[in-house]
Protein backbone atom coordinates (compact mmCIF):
# COMPACT_ATOMS: atom_id res chain seq x y z
CA MET A 1 49.49 30.32 93.60
CA ASP A 2 47.61 27.17 91.38
CA LEU A 3 46.28 24.18 93.07
CA SER A 4 45.31 20.75 92.28
CA ILE A 5 44.08 17.98 94.05
CA THR A 6 42.63 14.83 93.16
CA LYS A 7 41.78 12.52 95.35
CA GLY A 8 40.33 8.84 94.84
CA GLU A 9 37.80 8.68 98.22
CA VAL A 10 37.81 11.74 100.44
CA ASN A 11 35.19 12.07 103.79
CA ASP A 12 34.98 15.57 104.76
CA ILE A 13 38.12 17.04 102.65
CA GLN A 14 38.58 20.59 104.01
CA VAL A 15 41.12 22.62 102.49
CA SER A 16 42.06 26.20 103.20
CA VAL A 17 44.18 28.12 101.13
CA ASN A 18 45.50 31.16 102.76
CA GLN A 19 47.45 33.61 101.04
CA THR A 20 50.18 31.25 100.29
CA ASP A 21 49.35 28.60 102.42
CA VAL A 22 47.19 25.23 101.71
CA SER A 23 46.09 22.66 104.38
CA ILE A 24 44.05 19.45 103.16
CA SER A 25 42.22 17.67 106.33
CA GLN A 26 39.71 14.85 106.95
CA SER A 27 41.02 12.20 104.06
CA ASN A 28 41.78 8.80 104.21
CA SER A 29 43.12 8.73 100.84
CA LEU A 30 44.07 11.68 98.12
CA GLN A 31 46.64 12.35 95.90
CA VAL A 32 47.75 16.01 95.99
CA GLU A 33 49.57 17.51 92.74
CA VAL A 34 50.98 20.57 93.39
CA THR A 35 53.28 23.43 91.70
CA PRO A 36 54.64 25.48 94.48
CA VAL A 37 55.59 28.75 94.45
CA ALA A 38 58.51 30.50 96.24
CA GLY A 39 57.37 30.85 99.85
CA THR A 40 54.50 28.57 99.40
CA THR A 41 54.31 25.86 101.93
CA ILE A 42 51.78 22.69 102.37
CA ALA A 43 50.19 21.19 105.18
CA ILE A 44 48.42 18.36 105.13
CA ASP A 45 45.99 17.23 108.52
CA ARG A 46 44.45 14.03 108.54
CA GLY A 47 43.57 14.32 111.90
CA MET A 48 43.19 11.17 114.18
CA PHE A 49 42.88 8.21 112.73
CA GLY A 50 40.16 6.04 113.37
CA PRO A 51 40.31 1.91 114.10
CA THR A 52 41.12 0.21 110.97
CA GLY A 53 38.17 -1.79 109.41
CA PRO A 54 37.87 -4.86 108.31
CA THR A 55 39.64 -5.85 105.57
CA GLY A 56 37.75 -6.23 102.37
CA PRO A 57 36.88 -8.92 99.83
CA THR A 58 40.23 -9.74 97.47
CA GLY A 59 39.84 -7.58 94.44
CA ALA A 60 39.82 -9.86 91.10
CA THR A 61 43.68 -11.03 90.23
CA GLY A 62 44.65 -8.11 87.00
CA ALA A 63 45.41 -9.72 84.28
CA ALA A 64 48.74 -10.48 83.87
CA SER A 65 51.85 -8.16 83.30
CA THR A 66 53.57 -7.98 80.56
CA VAL A 67 56.65 -6.60 81.79
CA THR A 68 59.06 -7.63 84.08
CA GLY A 69 59.62 -6.33 86.93
CA PRO A 70 63.32 -5.83 88.33
CA THR A 71 65.10 -8.10 90.08
CA GLY A 72 65.11 -8.15 93.44
CA ALA A 73 68.25 -7.32 95.62
CA THR A 74 69.48 -11.27 96.37
CA GLY A 75 68.47 -12.25 100.12
CA ALA A 76 71.57 -13.20 102.36
CA ALA A 77 72.33 -16.98 102.68
CA SER A 78 70.22 -18.78 104.53
CA THR A 79 71.81 -20.37 107.57
CA VAL A 80 69.63 -23.20 107.77
CA THR A 81 69.67 -26.26 105.25
CA GLY A 82 65.85 -26.82 103.96
CA PRO A 83 64.52 -30.25 103.07
CA THR A 84 65.70 -31.80 100.00
CA GLY A 85 63.24 -32.38 97.55
CA PRO A 86 61.99 -35.08 95.94
CA THR A 87 64.02 -36.69 93.01
CA GLY A 88 62.88 -35.14 89.65
CA ALA A 89 62.41 -37.59 86.70
CA ALA A 90 65.19 -38.98 84.93
CA SER A 91 65.57 -36.47 82.15
CA THR A 92 64.93 -37.59 78.18
CA VAL A 93 67.86 -35.58 77.07
CA THR A 94 70.98 -36.37 77.50
CA GLY A 95 73.20 -33.32 79.07
CA PRO A 96 76.59 -32.02 77.36
CA THR A 97 79.64 -34.23 78.72
CA GLY A 98 81.58 -31.83 80.53
CA ALA A 99 85.49 -31.10 80.50
CA THR A 100 87.97 -34.10 81.10
CA GLY A 101 89.14 -34.01 84.66
CA ALA A 102 92.25 -33.43 85.64
CA ALA A 103 94.53 -36.92 85.61
CA SER A 104 94.37 -38.85 88.86
CA THR A 105 97.72 -38.74 90.87
CA VAL A 106 96.49 -41.87 92.94
CA THR A 107 96.99 -45.57 91.58
CA GLY A 108 93.34 -47.47 92.00
CA PRO A 109 93.70 -50.47 93.17
CA THR A 110 94.30 -53.65 90.31
CA GLY A 111 91.02 -55.54 89.39
CA PRO A 112 91.07 -58.89 89.97
CA THR A 113 92.32 -61.29 87.01
CA GLY A 114 89.84 -62.14 84.53
CA ASP A 115 89.58 -65.61 83.08
CA ILE A 116 91.49 -67.07 80.37
CA GLY A 117 89.94 -66.76 77.16
CA ALA A 118 90.07 -69.35 74.42
CA THR A 119 92.76 -70.47 72.62
CA GLY A 120 92.51 -68.51 68.95
CA PRO A 121 93.11 -70.61 66.01
CA THR A 122 96.40 -71.90 64.59
CA GLY A 123 97.86 -69.89 61.91
CA ASN A 124 99.18 -70.20 58.86
CA MET A 125 102.34 -71.56 58.56
CA GLY A 126 105.19 -69.26 58.09
CA PRO A 127 107.31 -69.45 54.77
CA THR A 128 110.61 -72.10 55.27
CA GLY A 129 113.50 -70.41 56.91
CA SER A 130 116.69 -70.05 55.09
CA THR A 131 119.05 -73.11 55.79
CA GLY A 132 121.80 -72.43 57.94
CA PRO A 133 125.75 -72.80 57.55
CA THR A 134 127.10 -76.05 57.72
CA GLY A 135 128.85 -76.89 60.49
CA ALA A 136 132.66 -77.96 60.74
CA THR A 137 133.57 -81.63 60.76
CA GLY A 138 133.56 -83.26 64.03
CA SER A 139 136.18 -85.55 65.44
CA SER A 140 137.21 -87.96 67.69
CA SER A 141 140.53 -89.35 68.80
CA SER A 142 142.09 -92.31 70.28
CA TYR A 143 145.22 -93.06 71.77
CA PHE A 144 146.93 -95.99 72.69
CA ASN A 145 150.43 -96.71 74.85
CA TYR A 146 153.02 -98.35 72.47
CA ARG A 147 157.15 -99.10 72.61
CA THR A 148 159.43 -98.14 69.62
CA HIS A 149 161.51 -101.17 68.21
CA THR A 150 164.36 -99.59 66.12
CA GLY A 151 166.02 -102.95 65.61
CA ALA A 152 163.92 -104.08 62.71
CA THR A 153 162.37 -102.14 59.79
CA SER A 154 159.72 -104.89 58.98
CA GLY A 155 157.74 -107.90 59.69
CA ASP A 156 156.03 -108.38 63.69
CA PRO A 157 157.54 -105.41 65.56
CA GLY A 158 156.27 -107.72 68.99
CA SER A 159 153.21 -107.16 71.56
CA GLY A 160 153.00 -103.85 72.71
CA GLN A 161 155.03 -102.46 69.68
CA LEU A 162 155.64 -100.67 66.17
CA LEU A 163 158.79 -99.80 63.88
CA TRP A 164 159.23 -97.84 60.73
CA ASN A 165 159.55 -99.34 57.26
CA ASN A 166 163.13 -97.07 57.15
CA ALA A 167 165.89 -96.91 59.43
CA THR A 168 165.28 -92.88 58.98
CA GLN A 169 161.66 -92.78 60.82
CA ILE A 170 160.28 -89.50 59.08
CA SER A 171 161.49 -90.94 55.28
CA ALA A 172 159.53 -94.17 56.05
CA THR A 173 156.56 -95.26 53.85
CA GLN A 174 154.85 -98.26 56.06
CA ILE A 175 154.09 -98.48 59.78
CA ASN A 176 154.12 -101.65 61.70
CA ILE A 177 152.24 -102.01 64.86
CA ASN A 178 151.06 -104.86 66.49
CA HIS A 179 147.48 -106.00 67.64
CA ILE A 180 148.48 -105.33 71.60
CA ASP A 181 149.27 -102.17 73.07
CA ASP A 182 151.64 -101.83 76.03
CA SER A 183 148.51 -102.21 78.32
CA ASN A 184 148.51 -105.48 77.07
CA VAL A 185 145.21 -104.61 75.22
CA ASP A 186 143.89 -106.04 72.00
CA ILE A 187 143.01 -102.91 69.38
CA ASP A 188 142.34 -105.03 66.84
CA ILE A 189 138.98 -103.51 66.03
CA PHE A 190 140.38 -99.84 66.12
CA LEU A 191 143.11 -100.83 63.87
CA ALA A 192 140.60 -102.33 61.60
CA LEU A 193 138.76 -98.94 61.12
CA ILE A 194 141.82 -97.09 60.21
CA GLY A 195 141.14 -95.44 56.86
CA ILE A 196 142.53 -93.77 54.13
CA GLY A 197 143.26 -90.04 54.53
CA GLN A 198 143.07 -90.43 58.21
CA THR A 199 145.71 -89.00 60.62
CA ILE A 200 147.93 -90.92 63.32
CA VAL A 201 150.24 -89.14 65.55
CA ILE A 202 153.20 -91.02 67.24
CA GLN A 203 154.21 -88.95 70.47
CA ASP A 204 156.84 -89.20 73.03
CA GLU A 205 155.02 -90.52 76.33
CA ASN A 206 156.29 -87.55 78.57
CA ASN A 207 157.13 -84.84 75.96
CA SER A 208 154.52 -83.31 73.31
CA GLY A 209 157.24 -81.37 71.72
CA ASN A 210 158.45 -84.46 70.34
CA TYR A 211 155.89 -86.25 67.95
CA GLN A 212 155.50 -87.86 63.91
CA SER A 213 152.23 -86.84 62.36
CA TRP A 214 151.22 -89.11 59.40
CA GLN A 215 148.43 -89.10 56.83
CA VAL A 216 147.38 -93.06 55.91
CA SER A 217 148.40 -92.97 51.96
CA GLY A 218 146.88 -96.90 51.57
CA ALA A 219 144.65 -99.89 52.74
CA THR A 220 146.18 -101.50 56.11
CA THR A 221 146.92 -105.02 56.01
CA HIS A 222 146.37 -107.32 58.56
CA ILE A 223 148.73 -109.74 58.94
CA SER A 224 148.47 -112.75 62.03
CA ASN A 225 149.37 -110.42 65.13
CA TYR A 226 150.25 -107.36 63.20
CA TRP A 227 149.35 -104.45 61.27
CA THR A 228 151.54 -102.73 58.09
CA ILE A 229 149.57 -98.65 57.86
CA PRO A 230 150.93 -97.36 54.60
CA VAL A 231 151.91 -93.33 55.02
CA THR A 232 152.81 -90.22 54.28
CA LEU A 233 154.92 -87.96 56.79
CA ASN A 234 153.20 -84.68 57.83
CA THR A 235 155.09 -83.16 60.17
CA SER A 236 157.12 -83.69 62.67
CA ALA A 237 159.33 -81.97 65.19
CA GLY A 238 161.98 -82.71 68.84
CA THR A 239 163.13 -86.54 68.75
CA GLY A 240 160.56 -86.93 66.38
CA THR A 241 162.63 -85.76 63.22
CA SER A 242 165.50 -86.98 64.41
CA ASN A 243 163.90 -90.63 65.25
CA PHE A 244 162.76 -92.02 68.49
CA PRO A 245 165.07 -94.35 70.81
CA ASN A 246 164.61 -97.96 70.91
CA ASN A 247 162.27 -99.22 73.17
CA HIS A 248 161.12 -95.29 73.92
CA ASN A 249 157.53 -95.23 75.70
CA VAL A 250 155.36 -93.53 72.99
CA ILE A 251 151.18 -92.46 72.30
CA PHE A 252 149.97 -94.00 69.54
CA ALA A 253 146.82 -91.70 68.48
CA LEU A 254 144.03 -92.11 65.96
CA THR A 255 142.39 -89.12 64.61
CA THR A 256 139.00 -89.75 63.09
CA SER A 257 136.98 -87.36 61.25
CA VAL A 258 132.59 -88.03 61.75
CA ALA A 259 130.28 -86.95 59.58
CA GLY A 260 126.92 -86.53 61.70
CA PRO A 261 124.17 -87.92 60.68
CA THR A 262 122.56 -86.29 57.56
CA GLY A 263 119.31 -83.81 58.67
CA PRO A 264 116.29 -84.05 57.42
CA THR A 265 115.52 -82.27 53.56
CA GLY A 266 113.52 -78.95 54.13
CA ALA A 267 110.55 -77.95 52.95
CA THR A 268 110.69 -76.37 49.20
CA GLY A 269 110.37 -73.02 49.85
CA PRO A 270 108.45 -70.49 47.54
CA THR A 271 109.78 -68.87 44.25
CA GLY A 272 111.52 -66.43 44.54
CA ALA A 273 110.78 -63.39 42.62
CA THR A 274 112.36 -63.13 38.75
CA GLY A 275 115.54 -61.39 38.64
CA ALA A 276 116.61 -58.25 36.51
CA ALA A 277 117.66 -59.66 32.77
CA SER A 278 121.61 -60.61 33.34
CA THR A 279 123.89 -58.18 31.30
CA VAL A 280 126.30 -61.01 31.02
CA THR A 281 125.91 -63.99 28.49
CA GLY A 282 125.89 -67.30 30.21
CA PRO A 283 128.31 -69.68 28.59
CA THR A 284 127.21 -72.00 25.71
CA GLY A 285 125.49 -75.30 27.31
CA ALA A 286 126.35 -78.55 25.63
CA THR A 287 124.85 -79.66 22.32
CA GLY A 288 121.95 -82.25 22.88
CA ALA A 289 121.70 -85.06 20.68
CA ALA A 290 120.79 -84.75 17.15
CA SER A 291 117.32 -84.60 16.56
CA THR A 292 115.29 -87.56 14.24
CA VAL A 293 112.91 -84.66 13.23
CA THR A 294 113.65 -82.78 10.54
CA GLY A 295 112.07 -79.24 12.14
CA PRO A 296 110.52 -76.11 9.88
CA THR A 297 113.05 -74.65 7.76
CA GLY A 298 113.26 -71.03 9.45
CA PRO A 299 113.47 -67.66 7.14
CA THR A 300 116.57 -66.59 5.43
CA GLY A 301 118.07 -64.22 7.74
CA ALA A 302 119.71 -61.32 6.19
CA THR A 303 123.28 -61.77 4.63
CA GLY A 304 125.74 -60.23 7.40
CA ALA A 305 128.71 -57.76 6.66
CA ALA A 306 131.80 -59.85 4.85
CA SER A 307 134.15 -60.52 7.98
CA THR A 308 137.27 -58.57 8.16
CA VAL A 309 139.26 -61.75 9.68
CA THR A 310 140.36 -64.45 7.16
CA GLY A 311 139.41 -67.72 8.55
CA PRO A 312 141.56 -70.47 9.26
CA THR A 313 143.10 -72.45 6.49
CA GLY A 314 141.11 -75.93 5.85
CA ALA A 315 143.11 -79.07 5.85
CA THR A 316 144.50 -80.19 3.12
CA GLY A 317 142.65 -82.75 1.46
CA PRO A 318 143.78 -86.32 0.10
CA THR A 319 145.91 -86.52 -3.24
CA GLY A 320 143.66 -87.13 -6.29
CA ALA A 321 145.04 -90.08 -8.34
CA THR A 322 147.90 -89.24 -10.67
CA GLY A 323 146.53 -88.09 -14.12
CA PRO A 324 147.67 -89.87 -17.10
CA THR A 325 151.00 -88.22 -18.99
CA GLY A 326 150.57 -85.28 -20.72
CA ALA A 327 152.75 -84.71 -23.74
CA THR A 328 156.33 -83.16 -23.01
CA PRO A 329 156.51 -80.20 -24.28
CA SER A 330 158.12 -79.60 -27.40
CA THR A 331 161.18 -77.63 -28.55
CA PRO A 332 159.74 -74.01 -29.45
CA LEU A 333 161.89 -73.83 -32.54
CA SER A 334 164.43 -76.10 -34.45
CA THR A 335 166.13 -75.96 -38.12
CA LYS A 336 167.10 -78.99 -40.27
CA THR A 337 169.57 -78.92 -43.27
CA ALA A 338 169.06 -82.88 -43.56
CA SER A 339 166.24 -85.22 -43.43
CA TYR A 340 165.32 -86.06 -39.62
CA THR A 341 163.26 -87.97 -38.19
CA LEU A 342 160.66 -86.10 -35.02
CA LEU A 343 161.11 -86.52 -31.58
CA THR A 344 158.13 -85.96 -28.93
CA THR A 345 160.07 -83.18 -27.27
CA ASP A 346 160.21 -81.40 -30.99
CA TYR A 347 157.55 -78.52 -32.02
CA THR A 348 158.22 -75.98 -34.63
CA VAL A 349 160.36 -77.74 -37.25
CA LEU A 350 162.22 -75.72 -39.95
CA GLY A 351 163.57 -77.50 -43.34
CA ASN A 352 166.39 -75.33 -45.42
CA ALA A 353 166.75 -77.83 -48.76
CA THR A 354 169.45 -74.93 -50.07
CA GLY A 355 171.24 -78.35 -49.96
CA GLY A 356 169.16 -80.66 -51.77
CA ALA A 357 166.21 -82.64 -51.54
CA ILE A 358 165.48 -83.53 -47.56
CA SER A 359 162.46 -85.87 -45.57
CA LEU A 360 160.94 -84.63 -41.87
CA THR A 361 159.40 -87.97 -41.17
CA LEU A 362 156.82 -87.68 -38.22
CA PRO A 363 157.02 -90.60 -35.18
CA THR A 364 154.33 -93.13 -35.20
CA ALA A 365 151.04 -90.92 -33.91
CA VAL A 366 150.24 -94.45 -31.56
CA GLY A 367 150.46 -93.38 -27.54
CA ALA A 368 151.13 -89.56 -29.20
CA SER A 369 147.53 -89.12 -28.75
CA GLY A 370 146.79 -84.80 -28.78
CA GLN A 371 150.77 -84.53 -30.11
CA VAL A 372 151.09 -81.19 -32.50
CA TYR A 373 153.98 -80.40 -35.00
CA ALA A 374 155.12 -77.34 -37.31
CA LEU A 375 156.72 -77.79 -40.29
CA LYS A 376 157.54 -75.51 -42.70
CA LYS A 377 160.35 -75.16 -45.77
CA ILE A 378 162.12 -71.85 -45.20
CA ASP A 379 164.42 -72.11 -47.94
CA SER A 380 163.71 -70.48 -51.91
CA SER A 381 165.44 -73.29 -53.85
CA ALA A 382 163.33 -75.70 -56.15
CA ASN A 383 164.47 -78.94 -53.87
CA ALA A 384 161.37 -80.11 -52.16
CA VAL A 385 161.07 -80.65 -48.07
CA THR A 386 158.66 -83.60 -47.77
CA VAL A 387 156.88 -84.45 -44.65
CA ALA A 388 156.59 -88.73 -44.56
CA THR A 389 155.20 -90.57 -41.70
CA THR A 390 156.10 -93.99 -40.70
CA SER A 391 154.41 -97.62 -40.37
CA SER A 392 151.96 -96.32 -43.39
CA GLN A 393 150.08 -94.16 -40.71
CA THR A 394 148.62 -91.29 -43.32
CA ILE A 395 148.33 -87.23 -43.05
CA ASP A 396 144.56 -86.77 -43.99
CA GLY A 397 144.50 -90.02 -45.97
CA ARG A 398 147.79 -89.37 -47.40
CA THR A 399 151.17 -91.15 -46.79
CA THR A 400 153.37 -87.48 -47.43
CA TYR A 401 153.05 -83.95 -47.93
CA SER A 402 155.27 -82.27 -50.20
CA LEU A 403 156.75 -78.46 -49.44
CA ALA A 404 157.88 -77.08 -52.88
CA VAL A 405 157.80 -73.50 -51.85
CA GLN A 406 159.29 -71.24 -50.10
CA TYR A 407 157.52 -70.18 -46.49
CA GLN A 408 155.04 -72.91 -47.15
CA GLY A 409 154.24 -74.95 -44.16
CA ILE A 410 151.40 -77.60 -42.45
CA MET A 411 150.65 -78.23 -38.78
CA VAL A 412 149.51 -81.80 -37.70
CA GLN A 413 147.82 -83.18 -34.53
CA SER A 414 147.92 -87.45 -33.53
CA ASN A 415 144.67 -88.83 -32.78
CA GLY A 416 146.34 -91.75 -31.09
CA ALA A 417 146.62 -93.61 -34.83
CA ASN A 418 146.84 -91.27 -37.85
CA TRP A 419 147.73 -87.64 -38.26
CA PHE A 420 145.13 -85.06 -39.21
CA LEU A 421 146.11 -81.84 -40.85
CA LEU A 422 144.66 -78.63 -38.64
CA ASN A 423 146.60 -75.88 -40.91
CA THR A 424 148.20 -74.94 -43.97
CA ASN A 425 150.05 -72.05 -45.37
CA ASN A 426 150.21 -71.58 -49.02
CA ALA A 427 149.54 -75.22 -49.80
CA ARG A 428 148.32 -76.53 -53.54
CA ASN A 429 147.58 -80.28 -54.54
CA GLY A 430 150.04 -82.10 -56.41
CA THR A 431 150.63 -85.94 -57.31
CA ASN A 432 151.27 -88.05 -54.54
CA GLY A 433 150.11 -85.07 -52.03
CA THR A 434 152.55 -82.27 -53.35
CA PHE A 435 151.21 -78.71 -52.66
């Protein structure tokens, strides 16, 4: 058996080992480490305890442990409330906000009404609203009691009465009414207010189905005790159409349109935004007065395409002055076999002298300015065709020309005094103008 004994403070320790038994006695404080073997018994006998000695001085406090000891079990809850400790100093660190509590289901009491605050400044005036629609024209009516007078169609119908200027009442163009109604009331002031376009109704006093409606068509006239009212029938019914009987009680009603007073002009509203450009060409405005200042000449625009529409024919201008009468066209061609004095209607004259010499005498050149003649000999004889003048007039200074050869000819023209050669054919000079 192995045995080891470690003792901090031992007084008179007695250890006896007998084979497998170990005993320790008289020890105040010891630690024993034993490694027994099977069947070994260890017995410790300290003997009798003596009285406890005085408490020794407290040893110095050991260094703080660096190892946290295990937390002991929580003790049972105290049943006695301990005294409240003093309130600690206010924390300088704001704690986290707690979660919002559930909404209260109990309405708290209403607090007292606070004082009315001062009135705020007046706001800017808003824009003027659009003008409202014009109300319908109002009207008022006045009626008076009268009796019909059918025994006359003109003049004063008599106090309390009215009449028509036609025996067929609805064909009347004028109603005469006394200024005193059937209740002996003077209604001049009302009759004087009747105007053109106003409506007048004459109705049976006892039946509204019998009536005549008239429109005033002209100015009323006051004649002594009665008024004349020009009228045009609007409509009628019952005995109003077939004629009210004489001395019948009727109502004379005046319907007057009353125009209300003109309201004040509203403030001008703000200018609205410019609308989109119109796609429709507006009508051409009236031509303004002619300017008295000549504006600068603008650039010449491009020439437009030729119009495919023929413009209207302009008005015919005035007839011009009649020009001088021209020469009458000459007879295109004539042949003469005897002496002949040319006319203004001649032009080409052919002379045939086969039967003997002939003369073709020109008419006077005076008053025949521009007249032209062509003269020609057409025969082959030796007989001459002489072109002569009148009143000592000349042909290029000569009084005669002789055509002696076949097909010789001349053309002459008047200047209003004499004749002049324009052309000659095979002419030849000779005595006294002979060719």
